[in-house]
Amino acid sequence: MHADLSRSTFRPERHYSAVVAQQGRVQLDADLNEQAAIQLHQTRTLAADLIGRHGGPSGSAGFYIQYVGGKLDIDTLSISGGRYYVDGILCDADRPQPGTPVPDEDGEEHPPPPTDAYWDYWSQPDAFRDPEQLADRLPSPAQSPFVVYLKVWERAVSAAEDPALREVALGAALPDTAVRAKVVWQVLPLTLSELGIEDSEPSRKTVRDAFEEWAKAQAAPSARLAARSERPEHADEDPCLVRPDARYRGPENQLYRVEIHAGGEAKEATFKWSRENGSVVFPVDELDGTWVQLATLGLDDKLDLDVGDHVEFTDTAYASRLEPLPLLRVEELDLPGRRVRLSAEPDPHVGRLPHLHPFLRRWDHHAGPRQKGRTTELKGGAVPVTEGEWLPLEDGVEVYFAKGGGYRTGDHWLIPARTATGSVEWPADQARRPLLQAPAGIARHFAPLALVQGEGSTLDLRYAFGPLGADFPAADQAALDAEALAARQEQAAEADPSGGRSQTTAAAEAAVEGDD
C-alpha cells in the first residue's frame, strides 16, 4: 500500500506467530506492521477454513442482488445489507443511517433525510460507477443473462483522502501519522460469454464452476520481477576491477516501489516508480484548467514538488477503480501561492467533486532508462515495460521483468535500499543471483453473487452458513450429567479398594441428594 514505510517484513512462509518486543530496543514501523499482518493472516485463514471460499451468516448474509430495470431512467441493481466473507475477508454491506439534526432555537425539529437501507449499483461506496460512461452500464438480461459478482481488495487511505485521520492538535505543518488499510468491495457485472458459458439458461452449478475457473485466472498474477544494485562490469572476471560506484549510491535509505501503471501484455504495459513507496501526496483545494491549488506543500525538498516531476491527479473514486490515468508533468511552480501548473488538463471525470478529496501523487521517474545507448521515451507519462533486460532506476538500483508476463494495473513490488550495505534487500540464490518474485500486491478476491436472467428473475449464487453454537436439549444434558457422575464414582472406587468413600465422591453424592 502507498504509505511511508521503511520496509515490509511479513512473510507467511516463515510461520512466525507473533512479534516479541525487547526492552531497551529501537521500535520500527516494520515490526508493528508485521504483528498486525500476522494477526490478520491468522484470522482470515481461520475464517476461510471454517466458511470456505465465500459465504455469509444465515439470516444476516449480505449482497442479495435484485435487478431493477424499466421502472427507472437507467437500469440498476439492488444490493441488500449484511455481511459476506470472501477468502476470509469480511465485507460489510450495511448502509449507515444519518443522524438526527439538533432542533433549531425556535424548537423546530428536522428529521434526518430518508436513506435506503440498501445500496444500488450506482451508489455503492467503493465502486463509483458513472452513468455517463458506457463502460459502466449494466448488460441487458433481455439479450443475455449476466452474472453479478463481488470483487474485494485492500488499499491504503491517508489523511489526503480522509482528513478525519489527521490530528489537528499537531498543527497543519506536521505530517500525518498512520494510514489505514481499507477493504474495498465492488459489485460488478460479468457476461456469460466472458465465463465461457454458451447455454442461455445454465444451472447454478455450471455458473459457479465456470466462475471459479475465471476467478482463479484473474487472481493469479503472471508478472515476475527481480531487483539488484547495479552489477559491476567484469564482476565475474576479476574482483579487483569492480568499479567503486557499482553499488547503491543513494544518500538515504529508501523503499522503492515499482508499480504497473497500464496493464496488458509487455508491449502495452507501462510502469512507474517511487523512492518513497508512492506516499508523497498533496491534497488539492481547487482545479483551474492546468493550474492546481494545493492545500499543503511538502515539508522539505525531499518531500516537495519540483519542475519536471511526474504526478498522478486522482481522487478517492479513481483510486478505487484501479484504472490508469495519464501521468502529468509539473511545468511551473508558484510556491507562495501553493499552486502548480501541469502539462495538460486532468481527465474531466477526476477531481471535480470536493467530497471525493482530489490529490496529487508524486512519482520519481523522469525519463525512460538508458538502454544500450538509447533513451526510452515515456508512454502516457510512464515507463514502457521492457522484458528480459536490466532497467536502471537511479543510484545503482536496477529491475528486471521476466519474459512472457501479464501485467495488471496496481501490481507492485517493494525494494528496500540501504546505505549501510550499499545494496538492495532482495531474495537471491546461493550464487547471489536475484530471484524473480510475484507482485507484493494487489491481492484480488472474487465471489459470485447472482445470475440475472431478467426483471424479477435472479438466481442466487451465494453460500450461507449457520452458527457453530446451539442450545443443548435439557434431557440430553441431564443424561450426560448422570453419566459424568457415575464415571467419577467409579474412578473413586478404583482409587480406594477398601470400599471407603473419597471426599470428592461424598461431596458429589451430597450434591445429587440436595438436587433431589
Protein backbone atom coordinates (compact mmCIF):
# COMPACT_ATOMS: atom_id res chain seq x y z
CA MET A 1 0.00 0.00 0.00
CA HIS A 2 1.06 3.60 -0.57
CA ALA A 3 2.47 4.56 2.83
CA ASP A 4 5.71 5.99 4.21
CA LEU A 5 7.23 2.68 5.33
CA SER A 6 10.79 1.58 5.99
CA ARG A 7 10.07 -1.90 4.57
CA SER A 8 7.51 -4.72 4.68
CA THR A 9 8.75 -7.83 6.54
CA PHE A 10 5.69 -10.12 6.78
CA ARG A 11 6.33 -13.46 5.04
CA PRO A 12 3.65 -16.12 5.70
CA GLU A 13 6.01 -18.92 4.63
CA ARG A 14 8.20 -18.21 7.68
CA HIS A 15 5.34 -19.21 10.01
CA TYR A 16 6.00 -16.53 12.64
CA SER A 17 3.17 -16.39 15.16
CA ALA A 18 4.00 -13.11 16.92
CA VAL A 19 6.43 -10.21 17.09
CA VAL A 20 8.02 -10.08 20.56
CA ALA A 21 9.35 -6.69 21.66
CA GLN A 22 12.57 -6.48 23.65
CA GLN A 23 13.42 -3.93 26.30
CA GLY A 24 15.66 -1.02 25.50
CA ARG A 25 15.41 -1.56 21.73
CA VAL A 26 14.51 0.78 18.92
CA GLN A 27 10.92 0.39 17.76
CA LEU A 28 10.45 0.16 13.99
CA ASP A 29 7.32 0.60 11.91
CA ALA A 30 8.07 -2.71 10.16
CA ASP A 31 7.82 -4.67 13.43
CA LEU A 32 4.46 -3.18 14.39
CA ASN A 33 3.11 -3.66 10.88
CA GLU A 34 4.28 -7.28 10.79
CA GLN A 35 2.43 -8.03 14.04
CA ALA A 36 -0.78 -6.62 12.54
CA ALA A 37 -0.20 -8.64 9.36
CA ILE A 38 0.37 -11.86 11.32
CA GLN A 39 -2.87 -11.45 13.26
CA LEU A 40 -4.82 -10.56 10.13
CA HIS A 41 -3.39 -13.56 8.27
CA GLN A 42 -4.30 -15.93 11.11
CA THR A 43 -7.83 -14.53 11.46
CA ARG A 44 -8.62 -14.64 7.75
CA THR A 45 -7.10 -18.08 7.29
CA LEU A 46 -9.25 -19.43 10.13
CA ALA A 47 -12.37 -17.79 8.69
CA ALA A 48 -11.68 -19.19 5.21
CA ASP A 49 -11.04 -22.70 6.62
CA LEU A 50 -14.34 -22.66 8.52
CA ILE A 51 -16.53 -20.86 5.96
CA GLY A 52 -14.95 -21.90 2.67
CA ARG A 53 -14.05 -19.68 -0.27
CA HIS A 54 -17.02 -17.42 0.37
CA GLY A 55 -20.24 -17.35 2.37
CA GLY A 56 -22.47 -15.30 4.63
CA PRO A 57 -24.09 -15.91 8.02
CA SER A 58 -27.56 -17.40 7.73
CA GLY A 59 -30.14 -14.71 8.48
CA SER A 60 -27.59 -11.88 8.13
CA ALA A 61 -25.95 -12.63 4.79
CA GLY A 62 -25.46 -9.53 2.70
CA PHE A 63 -25.27 -8.81 -1.01
CA TYR A 64 -28.60 -10.27 -2.05
CA ILE A 65 -28.98 -8.97 -5.61
CA GLN A 66 -32.13 -7.87 -7.42
CA TYR A 67 -32.20 -6.43 -10.93
CA VAL A 68 -34.27 -3.25 -11.35
CA GLY A 69 -34.88 -2.26 -14.96
CA GLY A 70 -37.58 -0.47 -16.87
CA LYS A 71 -39.02 1.34 -13.85
CA LEU A 72 -36.14 3.80 -13.68
CA ASP A 73 -34.35 6.02 -16.19
CA ILE A 74 -31.37 3.69 -16.05
CA ASP A 75 -31.09 0.03 -15.04
CA THR A 76 -29.60 -0.72 -11.65
CA LEU A 77 -29.05 -3.46 -9.08
CA SER A 78 -30.37 -3.53 -5.55
CA ILE A 79 -27.70 -4.67 -3.04
CA SER A 80 -29.02 -5.75 0.35
CA GLY A 81 -27.16 -5.05 3.57
CA GLY A 82 -25.48 -7.66 5.71
CA ARG A 83 -22.14 -9.47 5.91
CA TYR A 84 -20.32 -11.74 3.50
CA TYR A 85 -16.87 -13.33 3.67
CA VAL A 86 -14.60 -13.77 0.65
CA ASP A 87 -11.41 -15.77 1.29
CA GLY A 88 -11.84 -14.94 4.97
CA ILE A 89 -12.16 -11.19 4.35
CA LEU A 90 -15.22 -9.59 5.93
CA CYS A 91 -17.30 -7.44 3.56
CA ASP A 92 -19.93 -5.32 5.30
CA ALA A 93 -22.74 -4.05 3.08
CA ASP A 94 -24.82 -2.36 5.77
CA ARG A 95 -25.62 1.22 4.83
CA PRO A 96 -25.11 3.78 7.63
CA GLN A 97 -28.13 5.76 8.61
CA PRO A 98 -27.90 9.56 9.03
CA GLY A 99 -28.20 11.07 12.48
CA THR A 100 -30.95 13.39 13.68
CA PRO A 101 -30.13 17.12 13.48
CA VAL A 102 -30.31 19.26 16.61
CA PRO A 103 -33.58 21.28 16.78
CA ASP A 104 -33.44 24.97 15.87
CA GLU A 105 -33.51 27.59 18.60
CA ASP A 106 -37.24 28.09 17.98
CA GLY A 107 -37.79 24.41 18.73
CA GLU A 108 -38.43 23.29 15.16
CA GLU A 109 -37.19 19.76 14.64
CA HIS A 110 -35.65 18.47 11.43
CA PRO A 111 -35.91 14.74 10.78
CA PRO A 112 -32.92 13.06 9.12
CA PRO A 113 -33.11 12.74 5.36
CA PRO A 114 -34.53 9.41 4.24
CA THR A 115 -31.89 6.87 3.27
CA ASP A 116 -32.46 3.47 1.74
CA ALA A 117 -31.31 0.53 3.83
CA TYR A 118 -29.63 -0.96 0.77
CA TRP A 119 -27.10 0.17 -1.82
CA ASP A 120 -27.66 0.15 -5.53
CA TYR A 121 -25.24 -0.35 -8.40
CA TRP A 122 -24.65 3.38 -8.87
CA SER A 123 -24.35 4.38 -5.20
CA GLN A 124 -22.21 1.54 -3.81
CA PRO A 125 -19.48 3.12 -1.68
CA ASP A 126 -16.28 1.92 -3.38
CA ALA A 127 -17.16 1.13 -6.99
CA PHE A 128 -18.02 4.68 -8.15
CA ARG A 129 -19.88 3.71 -11.30
CA ASP A 130 -20.64 6.62 -13.62
CA PRO A 131 -23.94 6.52 -15.60
CA GLU A 132 -22.37 8.77 -18.26
CA GLN A 133 -19.67 6.22 -19.08
CA LEU A 134 -20.77 3.41 -21.37
CA ALA A 135 -18.21 1.05 -19.85
CA ASP A 136 -20.05 1.28 -16.53
CA ARG A 137 -23.50 0.42 -17.89
CA LEU A 138 -25.13 -2.86 -16.92
CA PRO A 139 -25.64 -5.52 -19.62
CA SER A 140 -29.20 -6.17 -20.71
CA PRO A 141 -30.54 -9.50 -19.38
CA ALA A 142 -33.03 -9.49 -22.28
CA GLN A 143 -30.16 -10.01 -24.71
CA SER A 144 -28.06 -12.26 -22.49
CA PRO A 145 -28.20 -13.25 -18.81
CA PHE A 146 -25.25 -11.94 -16.82
CA VAL A 147 -23.52 -12.80 -13.58
CA VAL A 148 -23.17 -10.31 -10.74
CA TYR A 149 -20.04 -10.85 -8.68
CA LEU A 150 -18.15 -9.34 -5.76
CA LYS A 151 -14.60 -8.04 -6.21
CA VAL A 152 -12.65 -7.49 -2.99
CA TRP A 153 -9.21 -5.96 -2.40
CA GLU A 154 -7.43 -3.66 0.02
CA ARG A 155 -5.79 -0.28 -0.35
CA ALA A 156 -4.26 2.39 1.85
CA VAL A 157 -6.15 5.54 2.82
CA SER A 158 -4.16 8.54 4.07
CA ALA A 159 -5.20 11.87 5.52
CA ALA A 160 -5.19 13.30 1.99
CA GLU A 161 -8.31 11.22 1.27
CA ASP A 162 -9.79 11.19 4.78
CA PRO A 163 -8.99 14.44 6.62
CA ALA A 164 -10.51 12.99 9.82
CA LEU A 165 -7.34 10.88 10.19
CA ARG A 166 -5.23 13.97 10.84
CA GLU A 167 -4.89 15.12 14.45
CA VAL A 168 -5.42 18.88 14.20
CA ALA A 169 -3.77 19.41 17.59
CA LEU A 170 -0.44 18.53 15.95
CA GLY A 171 -0.74 21.51 13.63
CA ALA A 172 -1.20 21.71 9.89
CA ALA A 173 2.57 21.94 9.29
CA LEU A 174 3.24 18.50 10.75
CA PRO A 175 2.85 15.33 8.67
CA ASP A 176 0.02 12.92 9.18
CA THR A 177 0.53 9.93 11.46
CA ALA A 178 -0.64 6.44 10.45
CA VAL A 179 -2.56 5.48 7.32
CA ARG A 180 -5.44 2.99 7.25
CA ALA A 181 -5.91 -0.21 5.30
CA LYS A 182 -9.39 -0.36 3.80
CA VAL A 183 -11.32 -3.33 2.43
CA VAL A 184 -12.77 -2.29 -0.92
CA TRP A 185 -15.75 -4.27 -2.21
CA GLN A 186 -17.33 -3.72 -5.60
CA VAL A 187 -20.42 -5.34 -7.13
CA LEU A 188 -19.79 -5.74 -10.86
CA PRO A 189 -21.40 -7.49 -13.88
CA LEU A 190 -19.88 -10.28 -15.99
CA THR A 191 -21.41 -11.70 -19.17
CA LEU A 192 -21.78 -15.43 -19.68
CA SER A 193 -19.54 -15.27 -22.74
CA GLU A 194 -16.71 -13.98 -20.55
CA LEU A 195 -17.15 -17.10 -18.42
CA GLY A 196 -17.16 -19.35 -21.48
CA ILE A 197 -20.82 -20.37 -20.98
CA GLU A 198 -22.86 -20.79 -24.15
CA ASP A 199 -26.08 -22.02 -22.54
CA SER A 200 -28.54 -19.15 -22.00
CA GLU A 201 -30.13 -20.96 -19.03
CA PRO A 202 -27.22 -22.55 -17.18
CA SER A 203 -27.62 -24.32 -13.85
CA ARG A 204 -26.36 -22.90 -10.58
CA LYS A 205 -23.52 -25.45 -10.51
CA THR A 206 -22.48 -24.63 -14.08
CA VAL A 207 -22.22 -20.93 -13.31
CA ARG A 208 -20.37 -21.48 -10.03
CA ASP A 209 -17.83 -23.85 -11.59
CA ALA A 210 -17.20 -21.53 -14.56
CA PHE A 211 -16.86 -18.55 -12.25
CA GLU A 212 -14.29 -20.33 -10.07
CA GLU A 213 -12.13 -21.00 -13.13
CA TRP A 214 -12.45 -17.38 -14.23
CA ALA A 215 -11.66 -16.05 -10.74
CA LYS A 216 -8.61 -18.29 -10.44
CA ALA A 217 -7.20 -16.86 -13.68
CA GLN A 218 -7.97 -13.29 -12.61
CA ALA A 219 -6.43 -13.61 -9.15
CA ALA A 220 -3.16 -15.29 -10.17
CA PRO A 221 -0.57 -12.75 -11.40
CA SER A 222 1.83 -13.92 -14.09
CA ALA A 223 4.26 -10.98 -13.96
CA ARG A 224 7.64 -11.57 -12.27
CA LEU A 225 10.31 -9.04 -11.32
CA ALA A 226 13.80 -9.12 -9.82
CA ALA A 227 15.86 -6.27 -8.37
CA ARG A 228 19.52 -5.66 -7.58
CA SER A 229 22.02 -2.94 -7.00
CA GLU A 230 23.97 -2.37 -10.18
CA ARG A 231 26.09 -5.36 -11.20
CA PRO A 232 29.64 -4.19 -11.99
CA GLU A 233 31.36 -4.80 -15.29
CA HIS A 234 33.90 -7.67 -15.24
CA ALA A 235 32.50 -8.87 -11.90
CA ASP A 236 32.98 -12.49 -12.90
CA GLU A 237 36.45 -11.93 -14.32
CA ASP A 238 38.42 -10.06 -11.69
CA PRO A 239 37.13 -8.70 -8.38
CA CYS A 240 39.92 -6.12 -8.48
CA LEU A 241 38.25 -4.49 -11.49
CA VAL A 242 34.98 -3.74 -9.68
CA ARG A 243 34.05 -0.09 -10.09
CA PRO A 244 33.76 1.76 -6.76
CA ASP A 245 30.36 3.19 -7.78
CA ALA A 246 28.89 -0.24 -8.63
CA ARG A 247 26.53 -0.30 -5.64
CA TYR A 248 23.52 1.50 -4.25
CA ARG A 249 24.68 5.11 -4.14
CA GLY A 250 21.65 6.88 -2.69
CA PRO A 251 22.28 9.29 0.21
CA GLU A 252 19.44 7.82 2.32
CA ASN A 253 17.68 4.55 2.99
CA GLN A 254 14.72 4.20 0.65
CA LEU A 255 11.80 1.90 -0.06
CA TYR A 256 11.43 1.83 -3.82
CA ARG A 257 8.04 0.97 -5.23
CA VAL A 258 7.79 -0.28 -8.80
CA GLU A 259 4.11 -0.26 -9.81
CA ILE A 260 2.36 -1.26 -13.03
CA HIS A 261 0.54 1.75 -14.44
CA ALA A 262 -1.17 0.46 -17.59
CA GLY A 263 -1.74 -3.27 -17.72
CA GLY A 264 -1.77 -5.79 -20.54
CA GLU A 265 0.97 -7.60 -22.40
CA ALA A 266 4.54 -6.33 -22.28
CA LYS A 267 4.19 -4.29 -25.47
CA GLU A 268 1.24 -2.41 -23.93
CA ALA A 269 2.18 -2.27 -20.24
CA THR A 270 3.93 0.63 -18.51
CA PHE A 271 5.28 1.15 -15.01
CA LYS A 272 6.16 3.98 -12.66
CA TRP A 273 8.38 4.06 -9.60
CA SER A 274 8.80 5.99 -6.40
CA ARG A 275 11.64 6.09 -3.89
CA GLU A 276 9.10 6.84 -1.12
CA ASN A 277 6.73 3.92 -1.78
CA GLY A 278 4.34 6.31 -3.56
CA SER A 279 3.48 8.01 -0.26
CA VAL A 280 4.21 11.62 -1.29
CA VAL A 281 0.75 13.14 -1.86
CA PHE A 282 -0.65 16.67 -1.92
CA PRO A 283 -4.34 17.39 -1.20
CA VAL A 284 -5.95 19.60 -3.85
CA ASP A 285 -8.15 22.57 -2.94
CA GLU A 286 -9.06 23.74 -6.44
CA LEU A 287 -8.52 22.92 -10.10
CA ASP A 288 -8.48 25.69 -12.71
CA GLY A 289 -7.54 24.36 -16.13
CA THR A 290 -3.95 23.19 -15.85
CA TRP A 291 -3.35 25.09 -12.58
CA VAL A 292 -3.81 23.14 -9.34
CA GLN A 293 -4.24 24.84 -5.97
CA LEU A 294 -2.71 22.65 -3.24
CA ALA A 295 -3.83 22.55 0.38
CA THR A 296 -0.26 21.99 1.61
CA LEU A 297 3.25 21.69 0.26
CA GLY A 298 5.94 19.22 1.23
CA LEU A 299 7.87 19.61 4.47
CA ASP A 300 11.26 19.80 2.72
CA ASP A 301 12.91 19.44 -0.69
CA LYS A 302 12.84 15.66 -0.37
CA LEU A 303 9.06 15.56 0.00
CA ASP A 304 8.13 18.52 -2.18
CA LEU A 305 7.34 19.05 -5.85
CA ASP A 306 9.77 20.33 -8.46
CA VAL A 307 9.55 21.22 -12.14
CA GLY A 308 9.86 18.04 -14.17
CA ASP A 309 8.22 15.76 -11.60
CA HIS A 310 5.52 13.41 -12.85
CA VAL A 311 2.31 13.38 -10.83
CA GLU A 312 -0.93 11.45 -10.83
CA PHE A 313 -4.01 13.64 -10.45
CA THR A 314 -6.60 11.38 -8.85
CA ASP A 315 -9.26 11.16 -6.15
CA THR A 316 -10.93 8.58 -3.94
CA ALA A 317 -13.13 7.32 -6.76
CA TYR A 318 -10.38 6.62 -9.27
CA ALA A 319 -8.06 5.26 -6.61
CA SER A 320 -10.71 2.57 -6.05
CA ARG A 321 -11.40 1.94 -9.73
CA LEU A 322 -7.85 0.69 -10.40
CA GLU A 323 -7.78 2.36 -13.80
CA PRO A 324 -4.69 4.15 -15.16
CA LEU A 325 -4.82 7.90 -15.69
CA PRO A 326 -2.25 9.83 -17.75
CA LEU A 327 0.69 10.93 -15.62
CA LEU A 328 1.19 14.69 -15.93
CA ARG A 329 4.39 16.69 -15.73
CA VAL A 330 4.90 19.65 -13.39
CA GLU A 331 5.69 22.60 -15.67
CA GLU A 332 5.65 25.56 -13.28
CA LEU A 333 5.60 26.21 -9.55
CA ASP A 334 4.08 29.10 -7.59
CA LEU A 335 5.31 28.25 -4.10
CA PRO A 336 3.93 31.35 -2.27
CA GLY A 337 0.51 30.65 -3.76
CA ARG A 338 0.80 26.86 -3.29
CA ARG A 339 -0.01 26.36 -6.99
CA VAL A 340 1.45 24.14 -9.69
CA ARG A 341 0.87 24.15 -13.44
CA LEU A 342 0.59 20.76 -15.10
CA SER A 343 1.50 19.75 -18.64
CA ALA A 344 -2.15 19.10 -19.52
CA GLU A 345 -5.61 19.44 -18.05
CA PRO A 346 -6.55 16.38 -15.94
CA ASP A 347 -9.22 13.91 -17.01
CA PRO A 348 -12.65 15.62 -16.86
CA HIS A 349 -14.09 12.78 -14.74
CA VAL A 350 -11.49 13.20 -11.98
CA GLY A 351 -11.08 15.70 -9.18
CA ARG A 352 -14.15 17.83 -9.84
CA LEU A 353 -16.06 16.81 -6.70
CA PRO A 354 -14.60 18.06 -3.38
CA HIS A 355 -16.19 15.25 -1.33
CA LEU A 356 -14.04 12.76 -3.30
CA HIS A 357 -10.90 14.50 -1.98
CA PRO A 358 -8.74 15.02 -5.10
CA PHE A 359 -4.97 14.89 -4.61
CA LEU A 360 -1.66 14.70 -6.46
CA ARG A 361 0.59 11.68 -6.02
CA ARG A 362 4.24 12.21 -6.95
CA TRP A 363 6.27 9.60 -8.83
CA ASP A 364 10.03 9.84 -9.19
CA HIS A 365 10.84 8.67 -12.72
CA HIS A 366 11.80 11.48 -15.09
CA ALA A 367 12.60 9.69 -18.34
CA GLY A 368 12.89 6.20 -19.63
CA PRO A 369 16.05 4.33 -18.61
CA ARG A 370 19.05 4.39 -20.91
CA GLN A 371 19.46 1.02 -22.57
CA LYS A 372 22.35 0.22 -24.89
CA GLY A 373 23.00 3.89 -25.59
CA ARG A 374 19.37 4.87 -26.21
CA THR A 375 16.77 6.55 -24.00
CA THR A 376 13.31 5.03 -23.84
CA GLU A 377 10.52 7.54 -24.40
CA LEU A 378 7.77 7.73 -21.80
CA LYS A 379 4.32 6.48 -22.74
CA GLY A 380 1.45 8.35 -21.12
CA GLY A 381 3.96 9.71 -18.63
CA ALA A 382 5.01 6.20 -17.53
CA VAL A 383 7.94 3.96 -18.47
CA PRO A 384 7.25 1.19 -21.03
CA VAL A 385 7.85 -2.33 -19.71
CA THR A 386 10.88 -3.99 -21.32
CA GLU A 387 11.25 -7.69 -20.59
CA GLY A 388 14.46 -9.66 -20.38
CA GLU A 389 16.76 -6.68 -19.66
CA TRP A 390 18.02 -4.96 -16.52
CA LEU A 391 16.47 -1.49 -16.35
CA PRO A 392 18.18 1.20 -14.24
CA LEU A 393 16.05 3.28 -11.89
CA GLU A 394 18.55 5.52 -10.06
CA ASP A 395 21.65 5.38 -7.85
CA GLY A 396 22.55 1.86 -8.98
CA VAL A 397 19.12 0.26 -8.42
CA GLU A 398 18.02 -1.94 -11.32
CA VAL A 399 14.94 -4.06 -12.04
CA TYR A 400 14.31 -6.96 -14.40
CA PHE A 401 10.94 -8.05 -15.82
CA ALA A 402 10.69 -11.73 -16.77
CA LYS A 403 9.61 -12.58 -20.31
CA GLY A 404 6.03 -13.58 -21.06
CA GLY A 405 4.39 -11.74 -18.18
CA GLY A 406 0.84 -10.43 -18.00
CA TYR A 407 0.55 -7.09 -16.19
CA ARG A 408 -2.31 -5.63 -14.14
CA THR A 409 -2.75 -2.02 -13.09
CA GLY A 410 -1.78 -1.67 -9.44
CA ASP A 411 0.52 -4.70 -9.21
CA HIS A 412 3.68 -3.60 -7.43
CA TRP A 413 6.99 -4.68 -5.92
CA LEU A 414 8.79 -3.16 -2.91
CA ILE A 415 12.60 -2.81 -2.95
CA PRO A 416 14.36 -1.65 0.26
CA ALA A 417 17.69 0.08 -0.49
CA ARG A 418 20.18 0.53 2.35
CA THR A 419 23.20 2.82 2.61
CA ALA A 420 24.87 0.63 5.27
CA THR A 421 25.34 -2.23 2.80
CA GLY A 422 25.25 -0.26 -0.44
CA SER A 423 22.72 -2.73 -1.83
CA VAL A 424 19.06 -3.58 -2.04
CA GLU A 425 17.31 -6.23 0.05
CA TRP A 426 16.08 -8.84 -2.42
CA PRO A 427 15.87 -12.67 -2.32
CA ALA A 428 18.79 -14.40 -4.04
CA ASP A 429 20.07 -17.94 -4.54
CA GLN A 430 23.32 -19.33 -3.17
CA ALA A 431 25.21 -17.85 -6.11
CA ARG A 432 23.75 -14.43 -5.14
CA ARG A 433 21.64 -14.26 -8.28
CA PRO A 434 18.42 -12.27 -7.74
CA LEU A 435 15.25 -14.36 -7.77
CA LEU A 436 12.16 -13.44 -9.75
CA GLN A 437 9.23 -12.60 -7.49
CA ALA A 438 5.47 -12.27 -7.94
CA PRO A 439 3.97 -8.87 -7.08
CA ALA A 440 3.65 -7.96 -3.40
CA GLY A 441 0.08 -6.89 -4.23
CA ILE A 442 -2.65 -6.15 -5.12
CA ALA A 443 -4.37 -9.36 -3.97
CA ARG A 444 -7.75 -9.59 -5.68
CA HIS A 445 -10.59 -11.81 -4.42
CA PHE A 446 -13.83 -12.73 -6.19
CA ALA A 447 -17.16 -14.34 -5.31
CA PRO A 448 -20.30 -14.92 -7.43
CA LEU A 449 -23.49 -13.35 -6.11
CA ALA A 450 -26.30 -13.88 -8.63
CA LEU A 451 -27.26 -14.81 -12.17
CA VAL A 452 -29.57 -12.10 -13.53
CA GLN A 453 -31.98 -13.62 -16.04
CA GLY A 454 -34.43 -10.74 -16.30
CA GLU A 455 -36.68 -8.39 -14.35
CA GLY A 456 -37.60 -10.21 -11.14
CA SER A 457 -35.74 -13.34 -12.21
CA THR A 458 -32.49 -13.78 -10.29
CA LEU A 459 -30.68 -16.99 -9.39
CA ASP A 460 -28.90 -16.60 -6.04
CA LEU A 461 -25.32 -17.90 -6.15
CA ARG A 462 -24.31 -17.13 -2.57
CA TYR A 463 -23.49 -19.65 0.16
CA ALA A 464 -24.77 -19.42 3.73
CA PHE A 465 -23.53 -20.94 6.98
CA GLY A 466 -25.11 -21.36 10.40
CA PRO A 467 -23.66 -20.69 13.86
CA LEU A 468 -21.46 -23.33 15.45
CA GLY A 469 -23.15 -22.96 18.83
CA ALA A 470 -26.70 -24.20 19.57
CA ASP A 471 -28.99 -24.84 22.55
CA PHE A 472 -28.46 -28.24 24.14
CA PRO A 473 -31.70 -30.17 24.94
CA ALA A 474 -32.29 -30.29 28.71
CA ALA A 475 -32.98 -34.06 28.80
CA ASP A 476 -29.76 -34.84 26.95
CA GLN A 477 -27.83 -32.59 29.29
CA ALA A 478 -29.25 -34.35 32.37
CA ALA A 479 -28.26 -37.74 30.95
CA LEU A 480 -24.74 -36.52 30.31
CA ASP A 481 -24.50 -35.15 33.85
CA ALA A 482 -25.59 -38.53 35.26
CA GLU A 483 -23.01 -40.35 33.13
CA ALA A 484 -20.29 -38.00 34.29
CA LEU A 485 -21.23 -38.52 37.95
CA ALA A 486 -21.20 -42.31 37.56
CA ALA A 487 -17.76 -42.14 35.93
CA ARG A 488 -16.39 -40.07 38.81
CA GLN A 489 -17.79 -42.55 41.35
CA GLU A 490 -16.22 -45.46 39.51
CA GLN A 491 -12.86 -43.71 39.44
CA ALA A 492 -13.11 -43.02 43.19
CA ALA A 493 -13.92 -46.66 43.93
CA GLU A 494 -10.90 -47.82 41.94
CA ALA A 495 -8.69 -45.37 43.83
CA ASP A 496 -9.94 -46.77 47.23
CA PRO A 497 -10.18 -50.61 47.04
CA SER A 498 -11.15 -50.84 50.76
CA GLY A 499 -14.56 -49.55 49.89
CA GLY A 500 -14.19 -46.21 51.65
CA ARG A 501 -15.58 -43.13 50.04
CA SER A 502 -13.37 -40.25 48.96
CA GLN A 503 -14.25 -36.71 49.90
CA THR A 504 -14.92 -35.91 46.22
CA THR A 505 -17.39 -38.79 45.88
CA ALA A 506 -19.12 -37.90 49.10
CA ALA A 507 -19.49 -34.30 48.02
CA ALA A 508 -20.85 -35.35 44.63
CA GLU A 509 -23.44 -37.65 46.20
CA ALA A 510 -24.44 -34.98 48.66
CA ALA A 511 -24.96 -32.57 45.79
CA VAL A 512 -27.17 -35.08 43.99
CA GLU A 513 -29.24 -35.72 47.13
CA GLY A 514 -29.64 -32.00 47.59
CA ASP A 515 -30.91 -31.67 43.99
CA ASP A 516 -33.45 -34.42 44.58
